[in-house]
Amino acid sequence: MSSDGKKKPFHKQRPTASSAASGPVKPGLQARAAAAKILAAVIDRKLPLDGALDHEHGNPAYKALQDDDRGLVRAILNTTLRHLPRIEAAISSLLDSPLPEGARSLQHVLSIAVAQILYLDVPDHAAVDIAVEQANQDPRSRRFAKVVNAVLRRLGREKEEILQQIESIPAMPAWFLQRLEKAYGREAAQAISDSQLLPAAIDLSVKSDAQGWAAKLNGIVLPTGGIRLAAFEGGIPALEGFEDGAWWVQDAAASIPAQLFGDLTGKRVADLCAAPGGKTAQLILAGGNVIAVEQSENRIKRLRSNLDRLGLTAETVAEDLTKYAPDELFDAILLDVPCSSTGTTRRHPDVLWTKGPEDIAKLAALQERLLRYALRLLKPGGTIVFSNCSLDPSEGEAVVAQVLSDTRGFERVAIDSARWPGLEKAISPLGEFRTTPDMVVLPDGFAPGLDGFYAALLRRVA
């Protein structure tokens, strides 16, 4: 099964050395067991999903699987996390009484089974049988095995009715939906919530000739100037132009901040918090003499590798931004700051379950500190773009407003919506960029939407 939930043929799972001694393993059991363990780590321990699914350093149960089973685990987890409030409501409606506090592991087993029955093209009997087997194998859950069987079989019989009952439940945790409603209004918040139920599209930024590459790759040119691909089989490296470095993967919204500078020919440019390098590549192609700064040496290595494939070069510096002291100030600075990443839930549905209000507050404070420091590195007359992929205004608009309110010599430069046809509604009355995942409607065959992003252009006037 692919990560977008499309069915692949079931295969007989190879037993591991440990399982061979106790008899054959039920096909698909190890994959579901890994999915339940990882879901528990995300929900209960707030561990990021990407880390658990890392092929080298991820969850041991996941690493032990074959590639096709890994794909099944990714599909199950992404689907479960996208629909979790609805899944939990479905489970509650089918139970005569809530599960006891000590049955958290059983809750996760039920959640991934419900995700398969309601939202993935998995035979109901397979999801039911394996969930019952999972319950039987766990001493803490064994006494609930008959409950699991009854609940999931009833779910299969009443699937359509239950889907109708839960479809109006927002697919986001209540704490975050409330913040969205406060920032954007109830209707817009609901549209954002609904949009994150769809997997993210694959967008590309190209060095040149977007129309030509769109035709070659069966894509469409976006309002941002990049390309969105239609669904395709195979991996990204197999696509034409990858080996030649003609393009790189970059969400449409993430490509906006670097474009706000315009022509950078001959200018000294800093890309702060630069990895993985997509924005660095944009700044180089805009003509800038770019210095890319990143605290982690490992992330710098990744950035260099990406630039090498593209045939581009930039000076790189591995250093804590707040300790970076260049010999000369910059004409332009791109500061894409660390954030809660709540604008990326289409591709990272775990974000809303691993972050909370306290994380947003801490990150907003860090962003303000980084922006104040970065302003000191800018020449008079120079410009800086402050950006991040959070949907929460406390990490965007509020940070810029606070800094401008008590910092002399800087002004906001209003972005001209006329220069962004198709994205006019993403420009705020103050002239800042604010994309949300429900923006950008495309023809059939192309996934709609883009990441939630904030960007503001500031200028040093003294």
Protein backbone atom coordinates (compact mmCIF):
# COMPACT_ATOMS: atom_id res chain seq x y z
CA MET A 1 0.00 0.00 0.00
CA SER A 2 1.31 3.42 -0.92
CA SER A 3 1.46 6.37 1.48
CA ASP A 4 -1.68 7.84 -0.10
CA GLY A 5 -3.68 4.78 0.88
CA LYS A 6 -3.89 3.09 -2.54
CA LYS A 7 -4.10 -0.65 -2.30
CA LYS A 8 -1.21 -2.91 -3.13
CA PRO A 9 -1.59 -6.70 -3.21
CA PHE A 10 -1.23 -8.40 0.14
CA HIS A 11 1.86 -10.58 0.46
CA LYS A 12 2.84 -13.28 2.87
CA GLN A 13 5.02 -11.76 5.54
CA ARG A 14 8.31 -13.48 6.27
CA PRO A 15 8.60 -14.59 9.90
CA THR A 16 11.47 -13.16 11.87
CA ALA A 17 13.93 -15.40 13.68
CA SER A 18 12.21 -14.76 16.99
CA SER A 19 8.75 -15.53 15.68
CA ALA A 20 9.72 -18.64 13.74
CA ALA A 21 10.22 -20.59 16.96
CA SER A 22 6.68 -19.85 18.16
CA GLY A 23 4.95 -20.61 14.87
CA PRO A 24 4.04 -18.73 11.71
CA VAL A 25 3.23 -15.03 11.93
CA LYS A 26 -0.21 -13.93 10.72
CA PRO A 27 0.36 -11.99 7.46
CA GLY A 28 0.31 -8.25 8.15
CA LEU A 29 0.56 -8.61 11.95
CA GLN A 30 4.10 -7.24 12.27
CA ALA A 31 3.20 -4.17 10.20
CA ARG A 32 0.11 -3.40 12.32
CA ALA A 33 2.05 -4.01 15.51
CA ALA A 34 4.69 -1.53 14.37
CA ALA A 35 1.99 0.99 13.46
CA ALA A 36 0.38 0.69 16.92
CA LYS A 37 3.73 1.13 18.68
CA ILE A 38 4.61 4.19 16.65
CA LEU A 39 1.15 5.71 17.12
CA ALA A 40 1.60 5.31 20.87
CA ALA A 41 4.98 7.05 20.68
CA VAL A 42 3.46 9.97 18.76
CA ILE A 43 0.31 10.41 20.84
CA ASP A 44 1.50 9.47 24.32
CA ARG A 45 5.18 10.46 24.21
CA LYS A 46 4.96 13.32 21.67
CA LEU A 47 7.71 11.88 19.47
CA PRO A 48 7.81 13.09 15.85
CA LEU A 49 6.63 10.66 13.20
CA ASP A 50 9.54 11.35 10.84
CA GLY A 51 12.00 10.15 13.46
CA ALA A 52 10.11 6.92 14.04
CA LEU A 53 9.96 6.23 10.29
CA ASP A 54 13.63 6.95 9.65
CA HIS A 55 15.15 3.98 7.83
CA GLU A 56 18.41 4.15 9.79
CA HIS A 57 17.52 5.46 13.24
CA GLY A 58 13.78 4.89 13.46
CA ASN A 59 11.56 2.60 15.50
CA PRO A 60 13.10 -0.91 15.64
CA ALA A 61 9.77 -2.59 14.77
CA TYR A 62 9.52 -0.42 11.66
CA LYS A 63 13.13 -0.97 10.60
CA ALA A 64 12.63 -4.74 10.82
CA LEU A 65 9.95 -4.68 8.11
CA GLN A 66 10.25 -5.21 4.38
CA ASP A 67 9.83 -2.15 2.15
CA ASP A 68 6.23 -2.89 1.15
CA ASP A 69 5.25 -3.37 4.81
CA ARG A 70 6.93 -0.08 5.63
CA GLY A 71 4.74 1.57 3.03
CA LEU A 72 1.68 0.02 4.66
CA VAL A 73 2.76 1.34 8.08
CA ARG A 74 3.23 4.86 6.70
CA ALA A 75 -0.19 4.78 5.06
CA ILE A 76 -1.88 3.55 8.24
CA LEU A 77 -0.17 6.11 10.48
CA ASN A 78 -0.71 9.10 8.20
CA THR A 79 -4.36 8.20 7.75
CA THR A 80 -4.93 7.57 11.45
CA LEU A 81 -3.36 10.87 12.48
CA ARG A 82 -5.24 12.85 9.83
CA HIS A 83 -8.60 11.47 10.95
CA LEU A 84 -7.87 10.84 14.64
CA PRO A 85 -10.71 12.88 16.24
CA ARG A 86 -13.21 11.17 13.94
CA ILE A 87 -11.69 7.75 14.57
CA GLU A 88 -11.87 8.27 18.33
CA ALA A 89 -15.50 9.39 18.02
CA ALA A 90 -16.32 6.27 16.02
CA ILE A 91 -14.73 4.04 18.66
CA SER A 92 -16.59 5.79 21.48
CA SER A 93 -19.91 5.38 19.69
CA LEU A 94 -19.39 1.63 19.42
CA LEU A 95 -18.30 0.99 23.02
CA ASP A 96 -20.84 0.46 25.78
CA SER A 97 -18.42 2.11 28.22
CA PRO A 98 -15.05 3.86 27.84
CA LEU A 99 -11.89 1.79 27.89
CA PRO A 100 -10.09 1.87 31.25
CA GLU A 101 -7.11 4.17 31.73
CA GLY A 102 -4.72 1.25 31.56
CA ALA A 103 -5.86 0.25 28.10
CA ARG A 104 -3.98 2.87 26.09
CA SER A 105 -2.27 0.23 23.96
CA LEU A 106 -5.66 -1.24 23.07
CA GLN A 107 -6.92 2.23 22.10
CA HIS A 108 -4.09 2.51 19.59
CA VAL A 109 -4.78 -0.98 18.21
CA LEU A 110 -8.42 0.00 17.71
CA SER A 111 -7.48 3.34 16.13
CA ILE A 112 -5.31 1.84 13.42
CA ALA A 113 -7.91 -0.86 12.73
CA VAL A 114 -10.68 1.75 12.40
CA ALA A 115 -8.48 3.83 10.06
CA GLN A 116 -8.09 0.81 7.78
CA ILE A 117 -11.80 -0.05 7.77
CA LEU A 118 -13.08 3.51 7.25
CA TYR A 119 -10.42 5.18 5.15
CA LEU A 120 -8.05 2.67 3.55
CA ASP A 121 -8.63 0.06 0.88
CA VAL A 122 -7.94 -2.84 3.21
CA PRO A 123 -10.33 -5.82 3.49
CA ASP A 124 -12.37 -5.41 6.66
CA HIS A 125 -11.80 -9.00 7.77
CA ALA A 126 -8.02 -8.52 7.60
CA ALA A 127 -8.13 -5.41 9.78
CA VAL A 128 -10.46 -7.14 12.27
CA ASP A 129 -8.57 -10.42 12.49
CA ILE A 130 -5.20 -8.78 13.00
CA ALA A 131 -6.52 -6.36 15.63
CA VAL A 132 -7.99 -9.30 17.57
CA GLU A 133 -4.65 -11.09 17.29
CA GLN A 134 -2.86 -7.98 18.59
CA ALA A 135 -5.18 -7.87 21.59
CA ASN A 136 -4.66 -11.57 22.30
CA GLN A 137 -0.88 -11.23 22.19
CA ASP A 138 -0.82 -8.39 24.74
CA PRO A 139 -1.44 -9.63 28.34
CA ARG A 140 -2.87 -6.20 29.21
CA SER A 141 -5.42 -6.36 26.40
CA ARG A 142 -6.22 -10.07 26.12
CA ARG A 143 -9.42 -9.80 28.15
CA PHE A 144 -10.72 -7.23 25.62
CA ALA A 145 -10.17 -9.40 22.53
CA LYS A 146 -13.87 -10.24 22.20
CA VAL A 147 -14.74 -6.56 22.57
CA VAL A 148 -12.31 -5.68 19.78
CA ASN A 149 -13.86 -8.32 17.54
CA ALA A 150 -17.41 -7.17 18.22
CA VAL A 151 -16.68 -3.46 17.86
CA LEU A 152 -14.77 -3.77 14.58
CA ARG A 153 -17.22 -6.19 13.00
CA ARG A 154 -20.07 -3.85 13.83
CA LEU A 155 -18.04 -0.98 12.37
CA GLY A 156 -17.69 -2.92 9.13
CA ARG A 157 -21.46 -3.53 8.96
CA GLU A 158 -22.37 0.08 9.76
CA LYS A 159 -19.48 1.76 7.97
CA GLU A 160 -21.47 4.18 5.79
CA GLU A 161 -23.76 5.27 8.61
CA ILE A 162 -20.85 5.89 10.97
CA LEU A 163 -18.92 7.83 8.33
CA GLN A 164 -21.92 10.14 7.97
CA GLN A 165 -22.16 10.55 11.74
CA ILE A 166 -18.53 11.61 12.16
CA GLU A 167 -17.91 13.61 8.96
CA SER A 168 -18.78 16.93 10.63
CA ILE A 169 -16.26 16.41 13.44
CA PRO A 170 -13.21 18.66 12.88
CA ALA A 171 -10.12 16.62 12.06
CA MET A 172 -7.91 18.70 14.36
CA PRO A 173 -7.44 18.72 18.13
CA ALA A 174 -9.79 21.16 19.85
CA TRP A 175 -7.01 23.37 21.24
CA PHE A 176 -5.65 24.15 17.79
CA LEU A 177 -9.02 24.54 16.09
CA GLN A 178 -9.92 27.15 18.71
CA ARG A 179 -6.76 29.09 17.85
CA LEU A 180 -7.60 28.92 14.15
CA GLU A 181 -11.15 30.14 14.77
CA LYS A 182 -9.82 33.08 16.74
CA ALA A 183 -7.35 33.97 14.00
CA TYR A 184 -9.36 33.27 10.85
CA GLY A 185 -13.00 32.84 11.84
CA ARG A 186 -15.03 29.64 12.18
CA GLU A 187 -15.72 29.06 8.48
CA ALA A 188 -12.10 29.51 7.43
CA ALA A 189 -10.88 27.38 10.32
CA GLN A 190 -13.17 24.55 9.23
CA ALA A 191 -11.90 24.85 5.64
CA ILE A 192 -8.30 24.62 6.88
CA SER A 193 -9.18 21.60 9.01
CA ASP A 194 -10.86 19.82 6.10
CA SER A 195 -8.00 20.57 3.72
CA GLN A 196 -5.43 18.80 5.87
CA LEU A 197 -7.29 15.52 5.36
CA LEU A 198 -5.76 15.34 1.88
CA PRO A 199 -2.16 14.18 1.43
CA ALA A 200 0.22 16.88 0.27
CA ALA A 201 1.01 17.16 -3.42
CA ILE A 202 4.52 17.03 -4.84
CA ASP A 203 5.70 20.47 -5.95
CA LEU A 204 8.91 21.31 -7.76
CA SER A 205 10.92 24.50 -8.09
CA VAL A 206 12.74 24.71 -11.43
CA LYS A 207 15.83 26.55 -12.50
CA SER A 208 14.10 27.79 -15.66
CA ASP A 209 11.36 27.02 -18.20
CA ALA A 210 8.56 26.05 -15.84
CA GLN A 211 6.13 25.54 -18.73
CA GLY A 212 8.54 23.23 -20.51
CA TRP A 213 9.20 21.11 -17.45
CA ALA A 214 5.50 20.99 -16.61
CA ALA A 215 4.88 19.46 -20.03
CA LYS A 216 7.73 16.96 -19.65
CA LEU A 217 6.67 15.84 -16.19
CA ASN A 218 2.89 15.86 -16.68
CA GLY A 219 2.57 18.75 -14.27
CA ILE A 220 0.92 22.15 -14.05
CA VAL A 221 2.47 25.57 -13.42
CA LEU A 222 1.35 27.09 -10.11
CA PRO A 223 0.75 30.75 -9.22
CA THR A 224 4.09 30.65 -7.39
CA GLY A 225 5.93 29.78 -10.61
CA GLY A 226 6.69 26.22 -9.55
CA ILE A 227 5.23 22.96 -10.84
CA ARG A 228 2.74 20.58 -9.28
CA LEU A 229 2.91 16.96 -10.38
CA ALA A 230 -0.06 14.74 -11.03
CA ALA A 231 -0.06 11.37 -9.33
CA PHE A 232 2.68 9.12 -10.62
CA GLU A 233 4.28 5.77 -9.92
CA GLY A 234 7.90 5.40 -8.92
CA GLY A 235 10.31 7.58 -7.00
CA ILE A 236 11.36 11.20 -7.42
CA PRO A 237 14.95 10.34 -8.48
CA ALA A 238 13.59 8.43 -11.48
CA LEU A 239 11.95 11.55 -12.96
CA GLU A 240 13.51 13.32 -15.90
CA GLY A 241 15.71 16.21 -14.83
CA PHE A 242 16.54 14.96 -11.34
CA GLU A 243 20.03 13.71 -12.11
CA ASP A 244 20.72 16.84 -14.18
CA GLY A 245 19.72 19.11 -11.28
CA ALA A 246 17.05 20.90 -13.30
CA TRP A 247 14.66 21.11 -10.34
CA TRP A 248 14.15 20.27 -6.68
CA VAL A 249 11.20 19.31 -4.51
CA GLN A 250 9.78 22.31 -2.64
CA ASP A 251 6.23 23.03 -1.56
CA ALA A 252 4.73 25.94 -3.45
CA ALA A 253 4.29 28.02 -0.29
CA ALA A 254 7.89 27.43 0.80
CA SER A 255 9.07 28.91 -2.49
CA ILE A 256 7.40 32.27 -1.85
CA PRO A 257 9.72 33.95 0.73
CA ALA A 258 12.86 33.91 -1.43
CA GLN A 259 10.93 35.37 -4.35
CA LEU A 260 9.98 38.48 -2.36
CA PHE A 261 13.47 39.96 -2.83
CA GLY A 262 13.27 40.12 -6.61
CA ASP A 263 16.55 40.52 -8.48
CA LEU A 264 19.56 39.95 -6.23
CA THR A 265 22.29 40.33 -8.84
CA GLY A 266 25.57 41.34 -7.23
CA LYS A 267 24.08 41.55 -3.75
CA ARG A 268 25.51 40.01 -0.60
CA VAL A 269 22.81 37.68 0.72
CA ALA A 270 22.47 35.59 3.89
CA ASP A 271 20.21 32.58 4.14
CA LEU A 272 19.90 32.02 7.87
CA CYS A 273 18.51 28.66 9.08
CA ALA A 274 19.28 27.55 5.53
CA ALA A 275 18.97 23.75 5.36
CA PRO A 276 17.86 21.78 3.42
CA GLY A 277 18.74 24.35 0.77
CA GLY A 278 15.74 24.91 -1.47
CA LYS A 279 15.54 28.59 -0.58
CA THR A 280 19.33 28.89 -0.83
CA ALA A 281 19.09 27.63 -4.41
CA GLN A 282 16.41 30.22 -5.18
CA LEU A 283 18.58 33.04 -3.82
CA ILE A 284 21.57 31.89 -5.89
CA LEU A 285 19.46 31.71 -9.05
CA ALA A 286 18.19 35.22 -8.32
CA GLY A 287 21.79 36.41 -8.64
CA GLY A 288 22.83 36.68 -5.01
CA ASN A 289 26.25 35.99 -3.56
CA VAL A 290 24.87 33.71 -0.88
CA ILE A 291 26.18 32.71 2.53
CA ALA A 292 24.12 29.88 4.01
CA VAL A 293 24.14 29.65 7.81
CA GLU A 294 22.96 26.59 9.74
CA GLN A 295 23.71 25.55 13.31
CA SER A 296 24.05 21.82 12.60
CA GLU A 297 27.04 20.51 10.66
CA ASN A 298 24.93 17.55 9.56
CA ARG A 299 22.30 19.87 8.11
CA ILE A 300 25.05 21.84 6.37
CA LYS A 301 26.25 18.59 4.78
CA ARG A 302 22.73 17.90 3.55
CA LEU A 303 22.49 21.42 2.14
CA ARG A 304 25.83 21.06 0.31
CA SER A 305 24.72 17.73 -1.12
CA ASN A 306 21.51 19.25 -2.44
CA LEU A 307 23.33 22.21 -3.97
CA ASP A 308 25.88 19.87 -5.56
CA ARG A 309 23.13 17.98 -7.36
CA LEU A 310 21.76 21.29 -8.64
CA GLY A 311 25.19 22.45 -9.76
CA LEU A 312 25.03 25.50 -7.48
CA THR A 313 27.48 26.84 -4.91
CA ALA A 314 27.23 28.97 -1.80
CA GLU A 315 29.51 29.74 1.09
CA THR A 316 28.34 27.74 4.09
CA VAL A 317 28.74 28.46 7.79
CA ALA A 318 27.95 26.00 10.59
CA GLU A 319 27.24 28.23 13.58
CA ASP A 320 24.57 29.26 16.05
CA LEU A 321 22.81 32.18 14.39
CA THR A 322 22.88 34.28 17.55
CA LYS A 323 26.67 33.98 17.63
CA TYR A 324 27.23 34.61 13.93
CA ALA A 325 29.28 37.75 13.39
CA PRO A 326 30.10 38.33 9.70
CA ASP A 327 32.84 40.72 8.67
CA GLU A 328 30.42 42.64 6.49
CA LEU A 329 26.70 43.39 6.70
CA PHE A 330 24.24 42.03 4.15
CA ASP A 331 22.12 43.60 1.42
CA ALA A 332 19.44 40.95 1.89
CA ILE A 333 18.67 38.34 4.54
CA LEU A 334 16.24 35.43 4.44
CA LEU A 335 15.27 34.32 7.93
CA ASP A 336 13.05 31.25 7.72
CA VAL A 337 12.77 30.50 11.42
CA PRO A 338 12.10 27.29 13.35
CA CYS A 339 8.39 27.05 14.15
CA SER A 340 5.60 24.70 15.19
CA SER A 341 5.18 23.61 11.54
CA THR A 342 1.39 23.66 11.89
CA GLY A 343 1.11 24.75 8.26
CA THR A 344 2.53 21.41 7.10
CA THR A 345 -0.05 19.03 8.55
CA ARG A 346 -0.93 17.67 5.09
CA ARG A 347 2.53 16.08 4.92
CA HIS A 348 3.24 15.91 8.68
CA PRO A 349 -0.10 15.00 10.35
CA ASP A 350 1.65 14.21 13.62
CA VAL A 351 2.47 17.88 14.26
CA LEU A 352 -0.84 18.73 15.92
CA TRP A 353 -0.48 15.75 18.27
CA THR A 354 3.13 16.34 19.27
CA LYS A 355 2.90 20.11 19.78
CA GLY A 356 0.80 22.20 22.15
CA PRO A 357 0.13 25.85 23.07
CA GLU A 358 3.23 25.94 25.26
CA ASP A 359 5.40 24.91 22.30
CA ILE A 360 3.98 27.69 20.16
CA ALA A 361 4.70 30.23 22.89
CA LYS A 362 8.31 29.05 23.26
CA LEU A 363 8.88 29.07 19.52
CA ALA A 364 7.38 32.54 19.12
CA ALA A 365 9.81 33.83 21.75
CA LEU A 366 12.71 32.18 19.93
CA GLN A 367 11.60 33.65 16.61
CA GLU A 368 11.47 37.14 18.07
CA ARG A 369 14.98 36.72 19.45
CA LEU A 370 16.31 35.48 16.10
CA LEU A 371 14.65 38.29 14.17
CA ARG A 372 16.05 40.96 16.47
CA TYR A 373 19.52 39.50 16.05
CA ALA A 374 19.22 39.14 12.28
CA LEU A 375 18.22 42.80 11.91
CA ARG A 376 21.64 43.75 13.26
CA LEU A 377 23.27 42.02 10.27
CA LEU A 378 21.46 44.13 7.65
CA LYS A 379 22.92 47.12 5.80
CA PRO A 380 21.02 50.43 5.68
CA GLY A 381 18.64 50.15 2.75
CA GLY A 382 18.81 46.35 2.90
CA THR A 383 15.82 44.06 3.10
CA ILE A 384 14.99 41.03 5.21
CA VAL A 385 12.27 38.43 4.75
CA PHE A 386 11.00 36.81 7.95
CA SER A 387 9.05 33.61 7.32
CA ASN A 388 7.90 30.28 8.73
CA CYS A 389 5.44 27.46 8.08
CA SER A 390 3.16 28.02 11.06
CA LEU A 391 -0.55 28.82 10.77
CA ASP A 392 -0.59 30.53 14.15
CA PRO A 393 -0.33 34.35 13.94
CA SER A 394 1.53 34.43 17.26
CA GLU A 395 4.47 32.94 15.35
CA GLY A 396 4.15 35.33 12.42
CA GLU A 397 2.21 38.57 12.40
CA ALA A 398 2.57 39.07 16.16
CA VAL A 399 6.34 38.60 16.11
CA VAL A 400 6.87 41.15 13.33
CA ALA A 401 4.44 43.63 14.89
CA GLN A 402 6.19 43.43 18.26
CA VAL A 403 9.66 43.89 16.80
CA LEU A 404 8.63 46.83 14.61
CA SER A 405 6.83 48.48 17.54
CA ASP A 406 10.01 48.92 19.59
CA THR A 407 12.84 48.82 17.03
CA ARG A 408 13.82 52.02 15.29
CA GLY A 409 15.07 52.22 11.74
CA PHE A 410 12.98 49.43 10.17
CA GLU A 411 9.75 49.42 8.21
CA ARG A 412 7.41 46.86 6.69
CA VAL A 413 7.43 46.78 2.88
CA ALA A 414 3.96 45.95 1.59
CA ILE A 415 3.84 43.07 -0.88
CA ASP A 416 1.98 43.99 -4.08
CA SER A 417 -0.85 41.51 -4.61
CA ALA A 418 -0.98 42.42 -8.31
CA ARG A 419 2.36 40.64 -8.73
CA TRP A 420 0.86 37.40 -7.41
CA PRO A 421 -2.09 36.52 -9.64
CA GLY A 422 -3.98 33.58 -8.22
CA LEU A 423 -2.74 34.31 -4.71
CA GLU A 424 -4.23 37.74 -4.15
CA LYS A 425 -6.21 36.61 -1.12
CA ALA A 426 -2.98 35.44 0.51
CA ILE A 427 -1.81 39.07 0.84
CA SER A 428 -3.00 40.67 4.07
CA PRO A 429 -4.14 44.31 4.39
CA LEU A 430 -0.68 45.09 5.83
CA GLY A 431 0.98 43.57 2.77
CA GLU A 432 2.22 40.36 4.39
CA PHE A 433 1.92 36.88 2.89
CA ARG A 434 -0.33 34.41 4.70
CA THR A 435 -1.12 31.18 2.86
CA THR A 436 -3.43 28.54 4.28
CA PRO A 437 -3.78 24.90 3.18
CA ASP A 438 -7.23 25.48 1.64
CA MET A 439 -5.90 27.97 -0.94
CA VAL A 440 -5.18 27.18 -4.61
CA VAL A 441 -7.86 25.27 -6.49
CA LEU A 442 -6.54 23.28 -9.46
CA PRO A 443 -8.00 21.24 -12.34
CA ASP A 444 -9.02 17.63 -11.83
CA GLY A 445 -6.04 15.34 -11.57
CA PHE A 446 -4.02 17.76 -9.46
CA ALA A 447 -4.24 17.92 -5.67
CA PRO A 448 -5.38 21.34 -4.39
CA GLY A 449 -3.88 23.36 -1.56
CA LEU A 450 -0.43 24.29 -0.32
CA ASP A 451 1.33 24.57 3.00
CA GLY A 452 0.37 27.25 5.47
CA PHE A 453 3.09 29.90 5.40
CA TYR A 454 3.77 33.40 6.69
CA ALA A 455 6.22 35.89 5.20
CA ALA A 456 6.89 39.59 5.75
CA LEU A 457 9.35 41.86 3.95
CA LEU A 458 11.13 44.46 6.11
CA ARG A 459 13.61 47.19 5.16
CA ARG A 460 16.29 48.99 7.14
CA VAL A 461 15.80 52.70 6.61
CA ALA A 462 18.52 54.00 8.92
